Amino acid sequence: MIWALATVAVAAVVAYLVAGFAMERISRQTQNVASEKGFHQWLHENLKITRDQELRLEAIERAFEDERIRLRKEIDAAGVHLAEVIRSHEAKSPEARDALAKLAAQQGLLQESTLDHFFAMKAYLDEKQGEMLLQWTCDSIVNGHHN
């Protein structure tokens, strides 16, 4: 009887974690699309980007988008791997800790790439535009992306 209850409890916890992971992933993808659109709208509305700047920034944006997609796929794969590991290992096991560390490392690479992207863009802005972009970046880090 205890074994059956323990099995049901473990199955419920795993189902909860997997469902939470899936919902977070869907939410994150939706938020990313909205925040990217919001950022570009903000960029044009607030920085008054010139046509020349827009052309220069397009190449940076395309390169970043390719990198962002690649890193998102790696983050998703690391998340799936973590979910698989926690199905068959203790939460504090070396395997679970390693899988979690790999996920965190991939997320860190995306954050680093995002910051590199902002500073690459800043190089093509005038001083006032650059300061506004830097302020938006700092506000986004502290408060989350806003439109």
N, C-alpha and C. Protein backbone atom coordinates (compact mmCIF):
# COMPACT_ATOMS: atom_id res chain seq x y z
N MET A 1 0.81 -1.19 0.00
CA MET A 1 0.00 0.00 0.00
C MET A 1 0.86 1.26 0.00
N ILE A 2 1.91 1.28 0.86
CA ILE A 2 2.80 2.44 0.93
C ILE A 2 3.53 2.61 -0.41
N TRP A 3 3.96 1.49 -0.98
CA TRP A 3 4.65 1.54 -2.28
C TRP A 3 3.74 2.15 -3.36
N ALA A 4 2.50 1.76 -3.38
CA ALA A 4 1.55 2.28 -4.37
C ALA A 4 1.35 3.78 -4.17
N LEU A 5 1.18 4.22 -2.93
CA LEU A 5 1.01 5.64 -2.65
C LEU A 5 2.27 6.43 -3.03
N ALA A 6 3.43 5.89 -2.73
CA ALA A 6 4.69 6.56 -3.07
C ALA A 6 4.84 6.67 -4.59
N THR A 7 4.47 5.63 -5.31
CA THR A 7 4.54 5.64 -6.77
C THR A 7 3.60 6.70 -7.35
N VAL A 8 2.41 6.79 -6.82
CA VAL A 8 1.44 7.79 -7.27
C VAL A 8 1.98 9.20 -6.97
N ALA A 9 2.54 9.39 -5.79
CA ALA A 9 3.08 10.70 -5.41
C ALA A 9 4.22 11.11 -6.33
N VAL A 10 5.13 10.19 -6.60
CA VAL A 10 6.25 10.49 -7.50
C VAL A 10 5.74 10.80 -8.90
N ALA A 11 4.79 10.03 -9.38
CA ALA A 11 4.22 10.27 -10.71
C ALA A 11 3.56 11.64 -10.76
N ALA A 12 2.87 12.02 -9.70
CA ALA A 12 2.22 13.34 -9.66
C ALA A 12 3.24 14.46 -9.69
N VAL A 13 4.31 14.32 -8.93
CA VAL A 13 5.36 15.35 -8.91
C VAL A 13 6.00 15.48 -10.27
N VAL A 14 6.35 14.36 -10.89
CA VAL A 14 6.97 14.40 -12.22
C VAL A 14 6.00 15.00 -13.24
N ALA A 15 4.75 14.62 -13.20
CA ALA A 15 3.76 15.18 -14.13
C ALA A 15 3.65 16.69 -13.93
N TYR A 16 3.64 17.13 -12.67
CA TYR A 16 3.56 18.56 -12.36
C TYR A 16 4.77 19.30 -12.93
N LEU A 17 5.97 18.75 -12.71
CA LEU A 17 7.20 19.39 -13.20
C LEU A 17 7.23 19.45 -14.73
N VAL A 18 6.87 18.37 -15.38
CA VAL A 18 6.88 18.33 -16.84
C VAL A 18 5.83 19.29 -17.40
N ALA A 19 4.64 19.31 -16.82
CA ALA A 19 3.60 20.23 -17.29
C ALA A 19 4.04 21.67 -17.07
N GLY A 20 4.63 21.95 -15.92
CA GLY A 20 5.13 23.30 -15.64
C GLY A 20 6.20 23.70 -16.63
N PHE A 21 7.10 22.79 -16.94
CA PHE A 21 8.17 23.06 -17.91
C PHE A 21 7.56 23.36 -19.28
N ALA A 22 6.59 22.57 -19.69
CA ALA A 22 5.96 22.77 -21.00
C ALA A 22 5.23 24.10 -21.05
N MET A 23 4.50 24.44 -20.00
CA MET A 23 3.76 25.70 -19.97
C MET A 23 4.72 26.89 -19.95
N GLU A 24 5.81 26.77 -19.21
CA GLU A 24 6.80 27.85 -19.17
C GLU A 24 7.41 28.04 -20.55
N ARG A 25 7.69 26.96 -21.23
CA ARG A 25 8.29 27.04 -22.57
C ARG A 25 7.34 27.74 -23.54
N ILE A 26 6.07 27.39 -23.52
CA ILE A 26 5.09 28.03 -24.39
C ILE A 26 4.97 29.51 -24.04
N SER A 27 4.89 29.81 -22.76
CA SER A 27 4.80 31.20 -22.32
C SER A 27 6.03 31.99 -22.73
N ARG A 28 7.21 31.39 -22.56
CA ARG A 28 8.47 32.05 -22.91
C ARG A 28 8.52 32.34 -24.40
N GLN A 29 8.09 31.40 -25.22
CA GLN A 29 8.10 31.62 -26.66
C GLN A 29 7.15 32.74 -27.05
N THR A 30 5.98 32.79 -26.45
CA THR A 30 5.02 33.86 -26.72
C THR A 30 5.57 35.20 -26.26
N GLN A 31 6.16 35.23 -25.08
CA GLN A 31 6.73 36.48 -24.55
C GLN A 31 7.90 36.94 -25.40
N ASN A 32 8.71 36.01 -25.89
CA ASN A 32 9.87 36.39 -26.71
C ASN A 32 9.42 37.08 -27.98
N VAL A 33 8.40 36.55 -28.64
CA VAL A 33 7.89 37.15 -29.87
C VAL A 33 7.36 38.54 -29.56
N ALA A 34 6.57 38.65 -28.49
CA ALA A 34 6.00 39.95 -28.12
C ALA A 34 7.08 40.94 -27.72
N SER A 35 8.09 40.49 -26.95
CA SER A 35 9.12 41.42 -26.51
C SER A 35 10.01 41.84 -27.67
N GLU A 36 10.26 40.93 -28.62
CA GLU A 36 11.05 41.31 -29.80
C GLU A 36 10.31 42.36 -30.62
N LYS A 37 9.01 42.15 -30.85
CA LYS A 37 8.22 43.13 -31.59
C LYS A 37 8.16 44.44 -30.82
N GLY A 38 7.97 44.34 -29.51
CA GLY A 38 7.92 45.53 -28.68
C GLY A 38 9.23 46.29 -28.69
N PHE A 39 10.33 45.57 -28.65
CA PHE A 39 11.64 46.22 -28.68
C PHE A 39 11.84 46.96 -29.99
N HIS A 40 11.53 46.32 -31.11
CA HIS A 40 11.72 46.97 -32.41
C HIS A 40 10.80 48.17 -32.57
N GLN A 41 9.59 48.05 -32.08
CA GLN A 41 8.67 49.18 -32.13
C GLN A 41 9.23 50.32 -31.27
N TRP A 42 9.70 49.97 -30.07
CA TRP A 42 10.29 50.97 -29.18
C TRP A 42 11.49 51.63 -29.84
N LEU A 43 12.33 50.82 -30.47
CA LEU A 43 13.54 51.32 -31.13
C LEU A 43 13.19 52.41 -32.14
N HIS A 44 12.21 52.13 -32.98
CA HIS A 44 11.83 53.09 -34.02
C HIS A 44 11.10 54.30 -33.45
N GLU A 45 10.22 54.07 -32.48
CA GLU A 45 9.43 55.17 -31.93
C GLU A 45 10.26 56.11 -31.06
N ASN A 46 11.21 55.58 -30.32
CA ASN A 46 11.93 56.37 -29.34
C ASN A 46 13.32 56.83 -29.80
N LEU A 47 13.98 56.05 -30.62
CA LEU A 47 15.33 56.42 -31.02
C LEU A 47 15.38 57.15 -32.36
N LYS A 48 14.26 57.16 -33.04
CA LYS A 48 14.19 57.85 -34.35
C LYS A 48 15.35 57.39 -35.24
N ILE A 49 15.39 56.09 -35.47
CA ILE A 49 16.43 55.45 -36.28
C ILE A 49 16.38 56.00 -37.71
N THR A 50 17.54 56.37 -38.23
CA THR A 50 17.60 56.83 -39.62
C THR A 50 17.59 55.62 -40.55
N ARG A 51 17.35 55.87 -41.80
CA ARG A 51 17.35 54.78 -42.80
C ARG A 51 18.73 54.12 -42.85
N ASP A 52 19.79 54.91 -42.80
CA ASP A 52 21.15 54.36 -42.82
C ASP A 52 21.39 53.48 -41.59
N GLN A 53 20.95 53.95 -40.42
CA GLN A 53 21.11 53.14 -39.22
C GLN A 53 20.30 51.86 -39.32
N GLU A 54 19.09 51.97 -39.83
CA GLU A 54 18.24 50.79 -39.97
C GLU A 54 18.91 49.74 -40.85
N LEU A 55 19.50 50.16 -41.94
CA LEU A 55 20.18 49.21 -42.83
C LEU A 55 21.35 48.54 -42.12
N ARG A 56 22.11 49.31 -41.36
CA ARG A 56 23.26 48.74 -40.63
C ARG A 56 22.79 47.80 -39.52
N LEU A 57 21.71 48.18 -38.86
CA LEU A 57 21.21 47.37 -37.75
C LEU A 57 20.55 46.08 -38.22
N GLU A 58 20.03 46.09 -39.45
CA GLU A 58 19.38 44.88 -39.98
C GLU A 58 20.33 43.68 -39.99
N ALA A 59 21.57 43.90 -40.40
CA ALA A 59 22.54 42.79 -40.44
C ALA A 59 22.81 42.26 -39.03
N ILE A 60 22.91 43.16 -38.07
CA ILE A 60 23.14 42.76 -36.68
C ILE A 60 21.92 41.97 -36.18
N GLU A 61 20.74 42.46 -36.52
CA GLU A 61 19.51 41.79 -36.09
C GLU A 61 19.39 40.39 -36.68
N ARG A 62 19.70 40.25 -37.96
CA ARG A 62 19.61 38.93 -38.60
C ARG A 62 20.58 37.95 -37.95
N ALA A 63 21.82 38.41 -37.71
CA ALA A 63 22.82 37.53 -37.09
C ALA A 63 22.38 37.13 -35.68
N PHE A 64 21.87 38.10 -34.93
CA PHE A 64 21.41 37.80 -33.58
C PHE A 64 20.23 36.84 -33.60
N GLU A 65 19.30 37.06 -34.50
CA GLU A 65 18.12 36.18 -34.57
C GLU A 65 18.54 34.74 -34.86
N ASP A 66 19.49 34.55 -35.77
CA ASP A 66 20.00 33.20 -36.06
C ASP A 66 20.62 32.58 -34.81
N GLU A 67 21.43 33.38 -34.11
CA GLU A 67 22.08 32.91 -32.89
C GLU A 67 21.04 32.63 -31.80
N ARG A 68 20.05 33.50 -31.67
CA ARG A 68 19.00 33.33 -30.67
C ARG A 68 18.22 32.03 -30.91
N ILE A 69 17.89 31.77 -32.17
CA ILE A 69 17.17 30.54 -32.51
C ILE A 69 18.02 29.32 -32.18
N ARG A 70 19.29 29.36 -32.53
CA ARG A 70 20.20 28.24 -32.24
C ARG A 70 20.28 28.00 -30.74
N LEU A 71 20.48 29.07 -29.98
CA LEU A 71 20.60 28.92 -28.53
C LEU A 71 19.29 28.48 -27.90
N ARG A 72 18.16 28.95 -28.38
CA ARG A 72 16.86 28.52 -27.86
C ARG A 72 16.66 27.02 -28.06
N LYS A 73 17.08 26.52 -29.23
CA LYS A 73 16.99 25.08 -29.48
C LYS A 73 17.85 24.31 -28.49
N GLU A 74 19.04 24.82 -28.21
CA GLU A 74 19.92 24.16 -27.25
C GLU A 74 19.36 24.23 -25.83
N ILE A 75 18.73 25.36 -25.49
CA ILE A 75 18.10 25.49 -24.17
C ILE A 75 16.94 24.50 -24.06
N ASP A 76 16.14 24.42 -25.10
CA ASP A 76 15.01 23.48 -25.09
C ASP A 76 15.51 22.05 -24.95
N ALA A 77 16.57 21.70 -25.69
CA ALA A 77 17.13 20.35 -25.61
C ALA A 77 17.67 20.07 -24.22
N ALA A 78 18.34 21.06 -23.62
CA ALA A 78 18.87 20.88 -22.26
C ALA A 78 17.73 20.74 -21.26
N GLY A 79 16.62 21.45 -21.48
CA GLY A 79 15.46 21.31 -20.61
C GLY A 79 14.83 19.94 -20.71
N VAL A 80 14.72 19.44 -21.93
CA VAL A 80 14.17 18.09 -22.13
C VAL A 80 15.08 17.06 -21.47
N HIS A 81 16.39 17.25 -21.62
CA HIS A 81 17.35 16.33 -20.99
C HIS A 81 17.18 16.36 -19.47
N LEU A 82 17.05 17.55 -18.89
CA LEU A 82 16.84 17.67 -17.45
C LEU A 82 15.57 16.93 -17.04
N ALA A 83 14.49 17.11 -17.78
CA ALA A 83 13.24 16.42 -17.47
C ALA A 83 13.42 14.91 -17.50
N GLU A 84 14.17 14.41 -18.48
CA GLU A 84 14.42 12.97 -18.57
C GLU A 84 15.25 12.48 -17.39
N VAL A 85 16.24 13.28 -17.00
CA VAL A 85 17.11 12.89 -15.89
C VAL A 85 16.33 12.84 -14.58
N ILE A 86 15.46 13.82 -14.35
CA ILE A 86 14.75 13.81 -13.06
C ILE A 86 13.71 12.70 -12.97
N ARG A 87 13.37 12.12 -14.12
CA ARG A 87 12.47 10.97 -14.08
C ARG A 87 13.15 9.74 -13.49
N SER A 88 14.46 9.67 -13.66
CA SER A 88 15.14 8.43 -13.26
C SER A 88 16.25 8.63 -12.21
N HIS A 89 16.41 9.84 -11.70
CA HIS A 89 17.46 10.09 -10.71
C HIS A 89 16.92 10.96 -9.57
N GLU A 90 17.60 10.91 -8.47
CA GLU A 90 17.27 11.76 -7.33
C GLU A 90 17.51 13.23 -7.70
N ALA A 91 16.78 14.12 -7.07
CA ALA A 91 16.91 15.55 -7.37
C ALA A 91 18.32 16.07 -7.13
N LYS A 92 19.00 15.57 -6.14
CA LYS A 92 20.34 16.03 -5.80
C LYS A 92 21.44 15.13 -6.38
N SER A 93 21.07 14.25 -7.29
CA SER A 93 22.06 13.33 -7.86
C SER A 93 23.03 14.10 -8.75
N PRO A 94 24.22 13.55 -8.96
CA PRO A 94 25.18 14.20 -9.85
C PRO A 94 24.62 14.37 -11.27
N GLU A 95 23.83 13.41 -11.72
CA GLU A 95 23.24 13.50 -13.06
C GLU A 95 22.26 14.67 -13.16
N ALA A 96 21.43 14.84 -12.13
CA ALA A 96 20.46 15.94 -12.14
C ALA A 96 21.18 17.28 -12.02
N ARG A 97 22.17 17.36 -11.16
CA ARG A 97 22.93 18.61 -11.02
C ARG A 97 23.66 18.96 -12.31
N ASP A 98 24.22 17.96 -12.99
CA ASP A 98 24.92 18.19 -14.25
C ASP A 98 23.94 18.68 -15.33
N ALA A 99 22.78 18.04 -15.40
CA ALA A 99 21.78 18.45 -16.40
C ALA A 99 21.30 19.87 -16.13
N LEU A 100 21.09 20.20 -14.86
CA LEU A 100 20.68 21.56 -14.50
C LEU A 100 21.78 22.57 -14.82
N ALA A 101 23.02 22.22 -14.56
CA ALA A 101 24.15 23.11 -14.87
C ALA A 101 24.25 23.36 -16.38
N LYS A 102 24.01 22.32 -17.17
CA LYS A 102 24.05 22.49 -18.63
C LYS A 102 22.93 23.42 -19.11
N LEU A 103 21.75 23.29 -18.53
CA LEU A 103 20.64 24.17 -18.87
C LEU A 103 20.98 25.61 -18.50
N ALA A 104 21.49 25.81 -17.29
CA ALA A 104 21.84 27.16 -16.83
C ALA A 104 22.94 27.76 -17.71
N ALA A 105 23.91 26.94 -18.13
CA ALA A 105 24.98 27.44 -18.99
C ALA A 105 24.44 27.90 -20.33
N GLN A 106 23.52 27.15 -20.91
CA GLN A 106 22.92 27.54 -22.19
C GLN A 106 22.12 28.83 -22.04
N GLN A 107 21.38 28.97 -20.94
CA GLN A 107 20.63 30.19 -20.70
C GLN A 107 21.59 31.37 -20.54
N GLY A 108 22.71 31.14 -19.88
CA GLY A 108 23.72 32.19 -19.72
C GLY A 108 24.30 32.62 -21.06
N LEU A 109 24.51 31.66 -21.96
CA LEU A 109 25.02 32.01 -23.30
C LEU A 109 24.03 32.90 -24.05
N LEU A 110 22.74 32.63 -23.90
CA LEU A 110 21.74 33.47 -24.55
C LEU A 110 21.76 34.88 -23.96
N GLN A 111 21.87 34.98 -22.65
CA GLN A 111 21.94 36.30 -22.02
C GLN A 111 23.18 37.07 -22.50
N GLU A 112 24.30 36.37 -22.57
CA GLU A 112 25.53 37.01 -23.04
C GLU A 112 25.39 37.46 -24.49
N SER A 113 24.81 36.62 -25.31
CA SER A 113 24.60 36.96 -26.72
C SER A 113 23.68 38.17 -26.86
N THR A 114 22.65 38.24 -26.02
CA THR A 114 21.73 39.36 -26.05
C THR A 114 22.44 40.67 -25.71
N LEU A 115 23.26 40.64 -24.67
CA LEU A 115 24.01 41.85 -24.31
C LEU A 115 24.99 42.24 -25.42
N ASP A 116 25.68 41.26 -25.98
CA ASP A 116 26.60 41.54 -27.09
C ASP A 116 25.84 42.20 -28.24
N HIS A 117 24.64 41.73 -28.50
CA HIS A 117 23.78 42.25 -29.56
C HIS A 117 23.45 43.72 -29.29
N PHE A 118 23.07 44.05 -28.07
CA PHE A 118 22.74 45.44 -27.75
C PHE A 118 23.95 46.35 -27.91
N PHE A 119 25.12 45.90 -27.47
CA PHE A 119 26.31 46.74 -27.60
C PHE A 119 26.77 46.85 -29.06
N ALA A 120 26.54 45.82 -29.85
CA ALA A 120 26.84 45.92 -31.28
C ALA A 120 25.92 46.95 -31.93
N MET A 121 24.67 46.97 -31.53
CA MET A 121 23.72 47.96 -32.06
C MET A 121 24.13 49.36 -31.63
N LYS A 122 24.52 49.51 -30.38
CA LYS A 122 24.87 50.81 -29.82
C LYS A 122 25.98 51.49 -30.62
N ALA A 123 26.85 50.70 -31.21
CA ALA A 123 27.96 51.24 -31.99
C ALA A 123 27.48 52.04 -33.20
N TYR A 124 26.26 51.79 -33.67
CA TYR A 124 25.72 52.47 -34.85
C TYR A 124 24.74 53.59 -34.48
N LEU A 125 24.64 53.88 -33.21
CA LEU A 125 23.72 54.92 -32.76
C LEU A 125 24.51 56.17 -32.36
N ASP A 126 23.84 57.31 -32.40
CA ASP A 126 24.52 58.50 -31.91
C ASP A 126 24.53 58.44 -30.38
N GLU A 127 25.17 59.41 -29.74
CA GLU A 127 25.36 59.36 -28.29
C GLU A 127 24.03 59.31 -27.53
N LYS A 128 23.08 60.17 -27.91
CA LYS A 128 21.78 60.21 -27.23
C LYS A 128 21.02 58.90 -27.43
N GLN A 129 21.01 58.39 -28.67
CA GLN A 129 20.34 57.12 -28.94
C GLN A 129 20.98 55.99 -28.14
N GLY A 130 22.31 56.00 -28.09
CA GLY A 130 23.04 54.97 -27.35
C GLY A 130 22.70 54.99 -25.87
N GLU A 131 22.60 56.18 -25.30
CA GLU A 131 22.22 56.30 -23.89
C GLU A 131 20.81 55.79 -23.66
N MET A 132 19.91 56.10 -24.58
CA MET A 132 18.52 55.63 -24.44
C MET A 132 18.46 54.11 -24.55
N LEU A 133 19.22 53.53 -25.47
CA LEU A 133 19.26 52.07 -25.60
C LEU A 133 19.84 51.43 -24.34
N LEU A 134 20.89 52.03 -23.82
CA LEU A 134 21.50 51.52 -22.59
C LEU A 134 20.51 51.58 -21.43
N GLN A 135 19.76 52.68 -21.33
CA GLN A 135 18.75 52.81 -20.27
C GLN A 135 17.65 51.76 -20.44
N TRP A 136 17.20 51.54 -21.68
CA TRP A 136 16.18 50.53 -21.94
C TRP A 136 16.69 49.15 -21.53
N THR A 137 17.96 48.87 -21.86
CA THR A 137 18.56 47.57 -21.52
C THR A 137 18.61 47.39 -20.01
N CYS A 138 19.05 48.42 -19.29
CA CYS A 138 19.12 48.34 -17.83
C CYS A 138 17.73 48.17 -17.23
N ASP A 139 16.77 48.94 -17.72
CA ASP A 139 15.39 48.81 -17.24
C ASP A 139 14.85 47.41 -17.50
N SER A 140 15.18 46.86 -18.66
CA SER A 140 14.70 45.51 -19.01
C SER A 140 15.28 44.45 -18.09
N ILE A 141 16.54 44.62 -17.72
CA ILE A 141 17.17 43.66 -16.82
C ILE A 141 16.49 43.71 -15.45
N VAL A 142 16.23 44.91 -14.98
CA VAL A 142 15.65 45.09 -13.65
C VAL A 142 14.15 44.76 -13.64
N ASN A 143 13.42 45.22 -14.65
CA ASN A 143 11.96 45.14 -14.63
C ASN A 143 11.36 44.16 -15.62
N GLY A 144 12.14 43.55 -16.43
CA GLY A 144 11.61 42.73 -17.51
C GLY A 144 11.35 43.58 -18.73
N HIS A 145 11.21 42.95 -19.87
CA HIS A 145 10.98 43.71 -21.12
C HIS A 145 9.65 44.43 -21.07
N HIS A 146 9.65 45.60 -21.61
CA HIS A 146 8.42 46.38 -21.70
C HIS A 146 8.33 46.95 -23.09
N ASN A 147 7.14 47.36 -23.47
CA ASN A 147 6.95 47.88 -24.81
C ASN A 147 7.29 49.34 -24.90
